[in-house]
Amino acid sequence: IQPFLIAGVDEVGRGPLAGPVVAAAVILDPEKPIDGLLDSK
């Protein structure tokens, strides 16, 4: 059975006066949990 893959997507940098806006997409591995994941802010 193929796993159902979910990508989380977010961007940073809408508010600055300079530089690009940067986005990321991440598909986490349920077999390798990461402790401490929170909103970057």
ModelCIF file with pLDDT and N, C-alpha, C, O atoms, coordinates in Angstrom:
data_MODEL
#
_entry.id   MODEL 
#
_entity.id                         1 
_entity.type                       polymer 
_entity.pdbx_number_of_molecules   1 
#
_entity_poly.entity_id                      1 
_entity_poly.type                           'polypeptide(L)' 
_entity_poly.nstd_linkage                   no 
_entity_poly.nstd_monomer                   no 
_entity_poly.pdbx_seq_one_letter_code       IQPFLIAGVDEVGRGPLAGPVVAAAVILDPEKPIDGLLDSK 
_entity_poly.pdbx_seq_one_letter_code_can   IQPFLIAGVDEVGRGPLAGPVVAAAVILDPEKPIDGLLDSK 
_entity_poly.pdbx_strand_id                 A 
#
loop_
_entity_poly_seq.entity_id 
_entity_poly_seq.num 
_entity_poly_seq.mon_id 
_entity_poly_seq.hetero 
1 1  ILE n 
1 2  GLN n 
1 3  PRO n 
1 4  PHE n 
1 5  LEU n 
1 6  ILE n 
1 7  ALA n 
1 8  GLY n 
1 9  VAL n 
1 10 ASP n 
1 11 GLU n 
1 12 VAL n 
1 13 GLY n 
1 14 ARG n 
1 15 GLY n 
1 16 PRO n 
1 17 LEU n 
1 18 ALA n 
1 19 GLY n 
1 20 PRO n 
1 21 VAL n 
1 22 VAL n 
1 23 ALA n 
1 24 ALA n 
1 25 ALA n 
1 26 VAL n 
1 27 ILE n 
1 28 LEU n 
1 29 ASP n 
1 30 PRO n 
1 31 GLU n 
1 32 LYS n 
1 33 PRO n 
1 34 ILE n 
1 35 ASP n 
1 36 GLY n 
1 37 LEU n 
1 38 LEU n 
1 39 ASP n 
1 40 SER n 
1 41 LYS n 
#
_struct_asym.id          A 
_struct_asym.entity_id   1 
#
loop_
_ma_qa_metric.id 
_ma_qa_metric.mode 
_ma_qa_metric.name 
_ma_qa_metric.software_group_id 
_ma_qa_metric.type 
1 global pLDDT . pLDDT 
2 local  pLDDT . pLDDT 
#
_ma_qa_metric_global.metric_id      1 
_ma_qa_metric_global.metric_value   94.20 
_ma_qa_metric_global.model_id       1 
_ma_qa_metric_global.ordinal_id     1 
#
loop_
_ma_qa_metric_local.label_asym_id 
_ma_qa_metric_local.label_comp_id 
_ma_qa_metric_local.label_seq_id 
_ma_qa_metric_local.metric_id 
_ma_qa_metric_local.metric_value 
_ma_qa_metric_local.model_id 
_ma_qa_metric_local.ordinal_id 
A ILE 1  2 68.00 1 1  
A GLN 2  2 73.00 1 2  
A PRO 3  2 86.00 1 3  
A PHE 4  2 92.00 1 4  
A LEU 5  2 96.00 1 5  
A ILE 6  2 97.00 1 6  
A ALA 7  2 98.00 1 7  
A GLY 8  2 98.00 1 8  
A VAL 9  2 98.00 1 9  
A ASP 10 2 98.00 1 10 
A GLU 11 2 98.00 1 11 
A VAL 12 2 98.00 1 12 
A GLY 13 2 97.00 1 13 
A ARG 14 2 97.00 1 14 
A GLY 15 2 96.00 1 15 
A PRO 16 2 97.00 1 16 
A LEU 17 2 97.00 1 17 
A ALA 18 2 97.00 1 18 
A GLY 19 2 97.00 1 19 
A PRO 20 2 98.00 1 20 
A VAL 21 2 98.00 1 21 
A VAL 22 2 98.00 1 22 
A ALA 23 2 98.00 1 23 
A ALA 24 2 98.00 1 24 
A ALA 25 2 98.00 1 25 
A VAL 26 2 98.00 1 26 
A ILE 27 2 98.00 1 27 
A LEU 28 2 98.00 1 28 
A ASP 29 2 96.00 1 29 
A PRO 30 2 93.00 1 30 
A GLU 31 2 94.00 1 31 
A LYS 32 2 95.00 1 32 
A PRO 33 2 93.00 1 33 
A ILE 34 2 96.00 1 34 
A ASP 35 2 94.00 1 35 
A GLY 36 2 93.00 1 36 
A LEU 37 2 94.00 1 37 
A LEU 38 2 88.00 1 38 
A ASP 39 2 86.00 1 39 
A SER 40 2 91.00 1 40 
A LYS 41 2 89.00 1 41 
#
loop_
_atom_site.group_PDB 
_atom_site.id 
_atom_site.type_symbol 
_atom_site.label_atom_id 
_atom_site.label_alt_id 
_atom_site.label_comp_id 
_atom_site.label_asym_id 
_atom_site.label_entity_id 
_atom_site.label_seq_id 
_atom_site.pdbx_PDB_ins_code 
_atom_site.Cartn_x 
_atom_site.Cartn_y 
_atom_site.Cartn_z 
_atom_site.occupancy 
_atom_site.B_iso_or_equiv 
_atom_site.pdbx_formal_charge 
_atom_site.auth_seq_id 
_atom_site.auth_comp_id 
_atom_site.auth_asym_id 
_atom_site.auth_atom_id 
_atom_site.pdbx_PDB_model_num 
ATOM 1   N N  . ILE A 1 1  ? 0.849  -1.190 0.000  1.00 68.00 ? 1  ILE A N  1 
ATOM 2   C CA . ILE A 1 1  ? 0.000  0.000  0.000  1.00 68.00 ? 1  ILE A CA 1 
ATOM 3   C C  . ILE A 1 1  ? 0.884  1.240  0.000  1.00 68.00 ? 1  ILE A C  1 
ATOM 4   O O  . ILE A 1 1  ? 1.758  1.395  0.853  1.00 68.00 ? 1  ILE A O  1 
ATOM 5   N N  . GLN A 1 2  ? 0.650  2.105  -0.952 1.00 73.00 ? 2  GLN A N  1 
ATOM 6   C CA . GLN A 1 2  ? 1.427  3.338  -1.041 1.00 73.00 ? 2  GLN A CA 1 
ATOM 7   C C  . GLN A 1 2  ? 0.951  4.335  0.016  1.00 73.00 ? 2  GLN A C  1 
ATOM 8   O O  . GLN A 1 2  ? -0.255 4.503  0.198  1.00 73.00 ? 2  GLN A O  1 
ATOM 9   N N  . PRO A 1 3  ? 1.865  4.992  0.708  1.00 86.00 ? 3  PRO A N  1 
ATOM 10  C CA . PRO A 1 3  ? 1.459  5.970  1.731  1.00 86.00 ? 3  PRO A CA 1 
ATOM 11  C C  . PRO A 1 3  ? 0.803  7.196  1.105  1.00 86.00 ? 3  PRO A C  1 
ATOM 12  O O  . PRO A 1 3  ? 1.111  7.574  -0.025 1.00 86.00 ? 3  PRO A O  1 
ATOM 13  N N  . PHE A 1 4  ? -0.093 7.800  1.852  1.00 92.00 ? 4  PHE A N  1 
ATOM 14  C CA . PHE A 1 4  ? -0.721 9.052  1.429  1.00 92.00 ? 4  PHE A CA 1 
ATOM 15  C C  . PHE A 1 4  ? 0.214  10.195 1.831  1.00 92.00 ? 4  PHE A C  1 
ATOM 16  O O  . PHE A 1 4  ? 0.401  10.451 3.021  1.00 92.00 ? 4  PHE A O  1 
ATOM 17  N N  . LEU A 1 5  ? 0.784  10.863 0.875  1.00 96.00 ? 5  LEU A N  1 
ATOM 18  C CA . LEU A 1 5  ? 1.827  11.852 1.136  1.00 96.00 ? 5  LEU A CA 1 
ATOM 19  C C  . LEU A 1 5  ? 1.250  13.270 1.180  1.00 96.00 ? 5  LEU A C  1 
ATOM 20  O O  . LEU A 1 5  ? 0.588  13.726 0.248  1.00 96.00 ? 5  LEU A O  1 
ATOM 21  N N  . ILE A 1 6  ? 1.522  13.939 2.285  1.00 97.00 ? 6  ILE A N  1 
ATOM 22  C CA . ILE A 1 6  ? 1.065  15.314 2.474  1.00 97.00 ? 6  ILE A CA 1 
ATOM 23  C C  . ILE A 1 6  ? 2.268  16.243 2.504  1.00 97.00 ? 6  ILE A C  1 
ATOM 24  O O  . ILE A 1 6  ? 3.225  16.019 3.245  1.00 97.00 ? 6  ILE A O  1 
ATOM 25  N N  . ALA A 1 7  ? 2.206  17.279 1.695  1.00 98.00 ? 7  ALA A N  1 
ATOM 26  C CA . ALA A 1 7  ? 3.248  18.307 1.705  1.00 98.00 ? 7  ALA A CA 1 
ATOM 27  C C  . ALA A 1 7  ? 2.742  19.533 2.452  1.00 98.00 ? 7  ALA A C  1 
ATOM 28  O O  . ALA A 1 7  ? 1.678  20.067 2.138  1.00 98.00 ? 7  ALA A O  1 
ATOM 29  N N  . GLY A 1 8  ? 3.503  19.968 3.429  1.00 98.00 ? 8  GLY A N  1 
ATOM 30  C CA . GLY A 1 8  ? 3.214  21.234 4.096  1.00 98.00 ? 8  GLY A CA 1 
ATOM 31  C C  . GLY A 1 8  ? 3.911  22.361 3.339  1.00 98.00 ? 8  GLY A C  1 
ATOM 32  O O  . GLY A 1 8  ? 5.062  22.219 2.927  1.00 98.00 ? 8  GLY A O  1 
ATOM 33  N N  . VAL A 1 9  ? 3.217  23.469 3.161  1.00 98.00 ? 9  VAL A N  1 
ATOM 34  C CA . VAL A 1 9  ? 3.753  24.568 2.354  1.00 98.00 ? 9  VAL A CA 1 
ATOM 35  C C  . VAL A 1 9  ? 3.578  25.892 3.095  1.00 98.00 ? 9  VAL A C  1 
ATOM 36  O O  . VAL A 1 9  ? 2.500  26.186 3.612  1.00 98.00 ? 9  VAL A O  1 
ATOM 37  N N  . ASP A 1 10 ? 4.629  26.673 3.140  1.00 98.00 ? 10 ASP A N  1 
ATOM 38  C CA . ASP A 1 10 ? 4.552  27.993 3.783  1.00 98.00 ? 10 ASP A CA 1 
ATOM 39  C C  . ASP A 1 10 ? 5.559  28.925 3.123  1.00 98.00 ? 10 ASP A C  1 
ATOM 40  O O  . ASP A 1 10 ? 6.485  28.486 2.441  1.00 98.00 ? 10 ASP A O  1 
ATOM 41  N N  . GLU A 1 11 ? 5.360  30.205 3.340  1.00 98.00 ? 11 GLU A N  1 
ATOM 42  C CA . GLU A 1 11 ? 6.281  31.213 2.800  1.00 98.00 ? 11 GLU A CA 1 
ATOM 43  C C  . GLU A 1 11 ? 6.702  32.169 3.912  1.00 98.00 ? 11 GLU A C  1 
ATOM 44  O O  . GLU A 1 11 ? 6.023  32.296 4.931  1.00 98.00 ? 11 GLU A O  1 
ATOM 45  N N  . VAL A 1 12 ? 7.824  32.830 3.700  1.00 98.00 ? 12 VAL A N  1 
ATOM 46  C CA . VAL A 1 12 ? 8.284  33.887 4.595  1.00 98.00 ? 12 VAL A CA 1 
ATOM 47  C C  . VAL A 1 12 ? 8.753  35.064 3.752  1.00 98.00 ? 12 VAL A C  1 
ATOM 48  O O  . VAL A 1 12 ? 9.224  34.903 2.626  1.00 98.00 ? 12 VAL A O  1 
ATOM 49  N N  . GLY A 1 13 ? 8.611  36.244 4.325  1.00 97.00 ? 13 GLY A N  1 
ATOM 50  C CA . GLY A 1 13 ? 9.157  37.413 3.643  1.00 97.00 ? 13 GLY A CA 1 
ATOM 51  C C  . GLY A 1 13 ? 8.151  38.240 2.883  1.00 97.00 ? 13 GLY A C  1 
ATOM 52  O O  . GLY A 1 13 ? 8.518  38.903 1.914  1.00 97.00 ? 13 GLY A O  1 
ATOM 53  N N  . ARG A 1 14 ? 6.877  38.228 3.291  1.00 97.00 ? 14 ARG A N  1 
ATOM 54  C CA . ARG A 1 14 ? 5.915  39.127 2.630  1.00 97.00 ? 14 ARG A CA 1 
ATOM 55  C C  . ARG A 1 14 ? 6.121  40.569 3.071  1.00 97.00 ? 14 ARG A C  1 
ATOM 56  O O  . ARG A 1 14 ? 5.968  41.492 2.271  1.00 97.00 ? 14 ARG A O  1 
ATOM 57  N N  . GLY A 1 15 ? 6.466  40.765 4.337  1.00 96.00 ? 15 GLY A N  1 
ATOM 58  C CA . GLY A 1 15 ? 6.508  42.106 4.893  1.00 96.00 ? 15 GLY A CA 1 
ATOM 59  C C  . GLY A 1 15 ? 7.760  42.923 4.658  1.00 96.00 ? 15 GLY A C  1 
ATOM 60  O O  . GLY A 1 15 ? 7.678  44.150 4.694  1.00 96.00 ? 15 GLY A O  1 
ATOM 61  N N  . PRO A 1 16 ? 8.930  42.313 4.416  1.00 97.00 ? 16 PRO A N  1 
ATOM 62  C CA . PRO A 1 16 ? 10.164 43.090 4.284  1.00 97.00 ? 16 PRO A CA 1 
ATOM 63  C C  . PRO A 1 16 ? 10.130 44.084 3.118  1.00 97.00 ? 16 PRO A C  1 
ATOM 64  O O  . PRO A 1 16 ? 9.349  43.948 2.176  1.00 97.00 ? 16 PRO A O  1 
ATOM 65  N N  . LEU A 1 17 ? 11.007 45.085 3.219  1.00 97.00 ? 17 LEU A N  1 
ATOM 66  C CA . LEU A 1 17 ? 11.161 46.076 2.164  1.00 97.00 ? 17 LEU A CA 1 
ATOM 67  C C  . LEU A 1 17 ? 12.207 45.655 1.147  1.00 97.00 ? 17 LEU A C  1 
ATOM 68  O O  . LEU A 1 17 ? 12.359 46.298 0.108  1.00 97.00 ? 17 LEU A O  1 
ATOM 69  N N  . ALA A 1 18 ? 12.931 44.574 1.439  1.00 97.00 ? 18 ALA A N  1 
ATOM 70  C CA . ALA A 1 18 ? 14.024 44.149 0.560  1.00 97.00 ? 18 ALA A CA 1 
ATOM 71  C C  . ALA A 1 18 ? 14.117 42.634 0.531  1.00 97.00 ? 18 ALA A C  1 
ATOM 72  O O  . ALA A 1 18 ? 13.708 41.950 1.469  1.00 97.00 ? 18 ALA A O  1 
ATOM 73  N N  . GLY A 1 19 ? 14.664 42.125 -0.565 1.00 97.00 ? 19 GLY A N  1 
ATOM 74  C CA . GLY A 1 19 ? 14.902 40.703 -0.704 1.00 97.00 ? 19 GLY A CA 1 
ATOM 75  C C  . GLY A 1 19 ? 13.710 39.945 -1.254 1.00 97.00 ? 19 GLY A C  1 
ATOM 76  O O  . GLY A 1 19 ? 12.603 40.479 -1.318 1.00 97.00 ? 19 GLY A O  1 
ATOM 77  N N  . PRO A 1 20 ? 13.935 38.694 -1.655 1.00 98.00 ? 20 PRO A N  1 
ATOM 78  C CA . PRO A 1 20 ? 12.869 37.883 -2.235 1.00 98.00 ? 20 PRO A CA 1 
ATOM 79  C C  . PRO A 1 20 ? 11.896 37.375 -1.195 1.00 98.00 ? 20 PRO A C  1 
ATOM 80  O O  . PRO A 1 20 ? 12.167 37.438 0.004  1.00 98.00 ? 20 PRO A O  1 
ATOM 81  N N  . VAL A 1 21 ? 10.758 36.869 -1.657 1.00 98.00 ? 21 VAL A N  1 
ATOM 82  C CA . VAL A 1 21 ? 9.869  36.097 -0.798 1.00 98.00 ? 21 VAL A CA 1 
ATOM 83  C C  . VAL A 1 21 ? 10.240 34.635 -1.028 1.00 98.00 ? 21 VAL A C  1 
ATOM 84  O O  . VAL A 1 21 ? 10.407 34.203 -2.168 1.00 98.00 ? 21 VAL A O  1 
ATOM 85  N N  . VAL A 1 22 ? 10.367 33.881 0.056  1.00 98.00 ? 22 VAL A N  1 
ATOM 86  C CA . VAL A 1 22 ? 10.877 32.508 -0.006 1.00 98.00 ? 22 VAL A CA 1 
ATOM 87  C C  . VAL A 1 22 ? 9.804  31.554 0.507  1.00 98.00 ? 22 VAL A C  1 
ATOM 88  O O  . VAL A 1 22 ? 9.158  31.816 1.522  1.00 98.00 ? 22 VAL A O  1 
ATOM 89  N N  . ALA A 1 23 ? 9.623  30.446 -0.206 1.00 98.00 ? 23 ALA A N  1 
ATOM 90  C CA . ALA A 1 23 ? 8.650  29.431 0.194  1.00 98.00 ? 23 ALA A CA 1 
ATOM 91  C C  . ALA A 1 23 ? 9.330  28.077 0.291  1.00 98.00 ? 23 ALA A C  1 
ATOM 92  O O  . ALA A 1 23 ? 10.385 27.843 -0.300 1.00 98.00 ? 23 ALA A O  1 
ATOM 93  N N  . ALA A 1 24 ? 8.703  27.198 1.049  1.00 98.00 ? 24 ALA A N  1 
ATOM 94  C CA . ALA A 1 24 ? 9.202  25.825 1.157  1.00 98.00 ? 24 ALA A CA 1 
ATOM 95  C C  . ALA A 1 24 ? 8.031  24.857 1.168  1.00 98.00 ? 24 ALA A C  1 
ATOM 96  O O  . ALA A 1 24 ? 6.935  25.180 1.626  1.00 98.00 ? 24 ALA A O  1 
ATOM 97  N N  . ALA A 1 25 ? 8.289  23.674 0.658  1.00 98.00 ? 25 ALA A N  1 
ATOM 98  C CA . ALA A 1 25 ? 7.344  22.563 0.734  1.00 98.00 ? 25 ALA A CA 1 
ATOM 99  C C  . ALA A 1 25 ? 8.082  21.384 1.353  1.00 98.00 ? 25 ALA A C  1 
ATOM 100 O O  . ALA A 1 25 ? 9.215  21.084 0.979  1.00 98.00 ? 25 ALA A O  1 
ATOM 101 N N  . VAL A 1 26 ? 7.432  20.718 2.301  1.00 98.00 ? 26 VAL A N  1 
ATOM 102 C CA . VAL A 1 26 ? 8.079  19.617 3.027  1.00 98.00 ? 26 VAL A CA 1 
ATOM 103 C C  . VAL A 1 26 ? 7.122  18.443 3.146  1.00 98.00 ? 26 VAL A C  1 
ATOM 104 O O  . VAL A 1 26 ? 5.968  18.608 3.542  1.00 98.00 ? 26 VAL A O  1 
ATOM 105 N N  . ILE A 1 27 ? 7.606  17.256 2.802  1.00 98.00 ? 27 ILE A N  1 
ATOM 106 C CA . ILE A 1 27 ? 6.891  16.002 3.077  1.00 98.00 ? 27 ILE A CA 1 
ATOM 107 C C  . ILE A 1 27 ? 7.659  15.295 4.180  1.00 98.00 ? 27 ILE A C  1 
ATOM 108 O O  . ILE A 1 27 ? 8.765  14.804 3.956  1.00 98.00 ? 27 ILE A O  1 
ATOM 109 N N  . LEU A 1 28 ? 7.082  15.242 5.358  1.00 98.00 ? 28 LEU A N  1 
ATOM 110 C CA . LEU A 1 28 ? 7.746  14.599 6.489  1.00 98.00 ? 28 LEU A CA 1 
ATOM 111 C C  . LEU A 1 28 ? 7.634  13.081 6.397  1.00 98.00 ? 28 LEU A C  1 
ATOM 112 O O  . LEU A 1 28 ? 6.704  12.546 5.793  1.00 98.00 ? 28 LEU A O  1 
ATOM 113 N N  . ASP A 1 29 ? 8.589  12.406 7.002  1.00 96.00 ? 29 ASP A N  1 
ATOM 114 C CA . ASP A 1 29 ? 8.596  10.946 7.072  1.00 96.00 ? 29 ASP A CA 1 
ATOM 115 C C  . ASP A 1 29 ? 7.969  10.529 8.402  1.00 96.00 ? 29 ASP A C  1 
ATOM 116 O O  . ASP A 1 29 ? 8.540  10.803 9.458  1.00 96.00 ? 29 ASP A O  1 
ATOM 117 N N  . PRO A 1 30 ? 6.800  9.868  8.372  1.00 93.00 ? 30 PRO A N  1 
ATOM 118 C CA . PRO A 1 30 ? 6.167  9.471  9.639  1.00 93.00 ? 30 PRO A CA 1 
ATOM 119 C C  . PRO A 1 30 ? 7.015  8.495  10.447 1.00 93.00 ? 30 PRO A C  1 
ATOM 120 O O  . PRO A 1 30 ? 6.807  8.338  11.650 1.00 93.00 ? 30 PRO A O  1 
ATOM 121 N N  . GLU A 1 31 ? 7.973  7.836  9.789  1.00 94.00 ? 31 GLU A N  1 
ATOM 122 C CA . GLU A 1 31 ? 8.856  6.913  10.494 1.00 94.00 ? 31 GLU A CA 1 
ATOM 123 C C  . GLU A 1 31 ? 10.009 7.627  11.195 1.00 94.00 ? 31 GLU A C  1 
ATOM 124 O O  . GLU A 1 31 ? 10.736 7.022  11.983 1.00 94.00 ? 31 GLU A O  1 
ATOM 125 N N  . LYS A 1 32 ? 10.171 8.914  10.902 1.00 95.00 ? 32 LYS A N  1 
ATOM 126 C CA . LYS A 1 32 ? 11.265 9.690  11.496 1.00 95.00 ? 32 LYS A CA 1 
ATOM 127 C C  . LYS A 1 32 ? 10.715 11.003 12.058 1.00 95.00 ? 32 LYS A C  1 
ATOM 128 O O  . LYS A 1 32 ? 10.955 12.070 11.494 1.00 95.00 ? 32 LYS A O  1 
ATOM 129 N N  . PRO A 1 33 ? 9.978  10.923 13.165 1.00 93.00 ? 33 PRO A N  1 
ATOM 130 C CA . PRO A 1 33 ? 9.381  12.136 13.742 1.00 93.00 ? 33 PRO A CA 1 
ATOM 131 C C  . PRO A 1 33 ? 10.444 13.123 14.223 1.00 93.00 ? 33 PRO A C  1 
ATOM 132 O O  . PRO A 1 33 ? 11.531 12.736 14.652 1.00 93.00 ? 33 PRO A O  1 
ATOM 133 N N  . ILE A 1 34 ? 10.100 14.393 14.139 1.00 96.00 ? 34 ILE A N  1 
ATOM 134 C CA . ILE A 1 34 ? 11.012 15.464 14.564 1.00 96.00 ? 34 ILE A CA 1 
ATOM 135 C C  . ILE A 1 34 ? 10.351 16.216 15.713 1.00 96.00 ? 34 ILE A C  1 
ATOM 136 O O  . ILE A 1 34 ? 9.264  16.769 15.549 1.00 96.00 ? 34 ILE A O  1 
ATOM 137 N N  . ASP A 1 35 ? 10.997 16.237 16.864 1.00 94.00 ? 35 ASP A N  1 
ATOM 138 C CA . ASP A 1 35 ? 10.449 16.924 18.033 1.00 94.00 ? 35 ASP A CA 1 
ATOM 139 C C  . ASP A 1 35 ? 10.661 18.428 17.926 1.00 94.00 ? 35 ASP A C  1 
ATOM 140 O O  . ASP A 1 35 ? 11.686 18.892 17.427 1.00 94.00 ? 35 ASP A O  1 
ATOM 141 N N  . GLY A 1 36 ? 9.671  19.182 18.407 1.00 93.00 ? 36 GLY A N  1 
ATOM 142 C CA . GLY A 1 36 ? 9.837  20.619 18.532 1.00 93.00 ? 36 GLY A CA 1 
ATOM 143 C C  . GLY A 1 36 ? 9.408  21.450 17.343 1.00 93.00 ? 36 GLY A C  1 
ATOM 144 O O  . GLY A 1 36 ? 9.713  22.640 17.281 1.00 93.00 ? 36 GLY A O  1 
ATOM 145 N N  . LEU A 1 37 ? 8.698  20.841 16.387 1.00 94.00 ? 37 LEU A N  1 
ATOM 146 C CA . LEU A 1 37 ? 8.260  21.600 15.218 1.00 94.00 ? 37 LEU A CA 1 
ATOM 147 C C  . LEU A 1 37 ? 7.136  22.563 15.602 1.00 94.00 ? 37 LEU A C  1 
ATOM 148 O O  . LEU A 1 37 ? 6.085  22.154 16.096 1.00 94.00 ? 37 LEU A O  1 
ATOM 149 N N  . LEU A 1 38 ? 7.384  23.839 15.364 1.00 88.00 ? 38 LEU A N  1 
ATOM 150 C CA . LEU A 1 38 ? 6.416  24.898 15.632 1.00 88.00 ? 38 LEU A CA 1 
ATOM 151 C C  . LEU A 1 38 ? 6.525  25.939 14.531 1.00 88.00 ? 38 LEU A C  1 
ATOM 152 O O  . LEU A 1 38 ? 7.454  25.910 13.724 1.00 88.00 ? 38 LEU A O  1 
ATOM 153 N N  . ASP A 1 39 ? 5.577  26.848 14.507 1.00 86.00 ? 39 ASP A N  1 
ATOM 154 C CA . ASP A 1 39 ? 5.676  28.007 13.629 1.00 86.00 ? 39 ASP A CA 1 
ATOM 155 C C  . ASP A 1 39 ? 7.044  28.658 13.848 1.00 86.00 ? 39 ASP A C  1 
ATOM 156 O O  . ASP A 1 39 ? 7.457  28.871 14.988 1.00 86.00 ? 39 ASP A O  1 
ATOM 157 N N  . SER A 1 40 ? 7.744  28.975 12.756 1.00 91.00 ? 40 SER A N  1 
ATOM 158 C CA . SER A 1 40 ? 9.111  29.503 12.873 1.00 91.00 ? 40 SER A CA 1 
ATOM 159 C C  . SER A 1 40 ? 9.173  30.781 13.697 1.00 91.00 ? 40 SER A C  1 
ATOM 160 O O  . SER A 1 40 ? 10.187 31.054 14.339 1.00 91.00 ? 40 SER A O  1 
ATOM 161 N N  . LYS A 1 41 ? 8.088  31.575 13.686 1.00 89.00 ? 41 LYS A N  1 
ATOM 162 C CA . LYS A 1 41 ? 8.084  32.837 14.437 1.00 89.00 ? 41 LYS A CA 1 
ATOM 163 C C  . LYS A 1 41 ? 8.063  32.596 15.941 1.00 89.00 ? 41 LYS A C  1 
ATOM 164 O O  . LYS A 1 41 ? 8.057  33.550 16.719 1.00 89.00 ? 41 LYS A O  1 
#
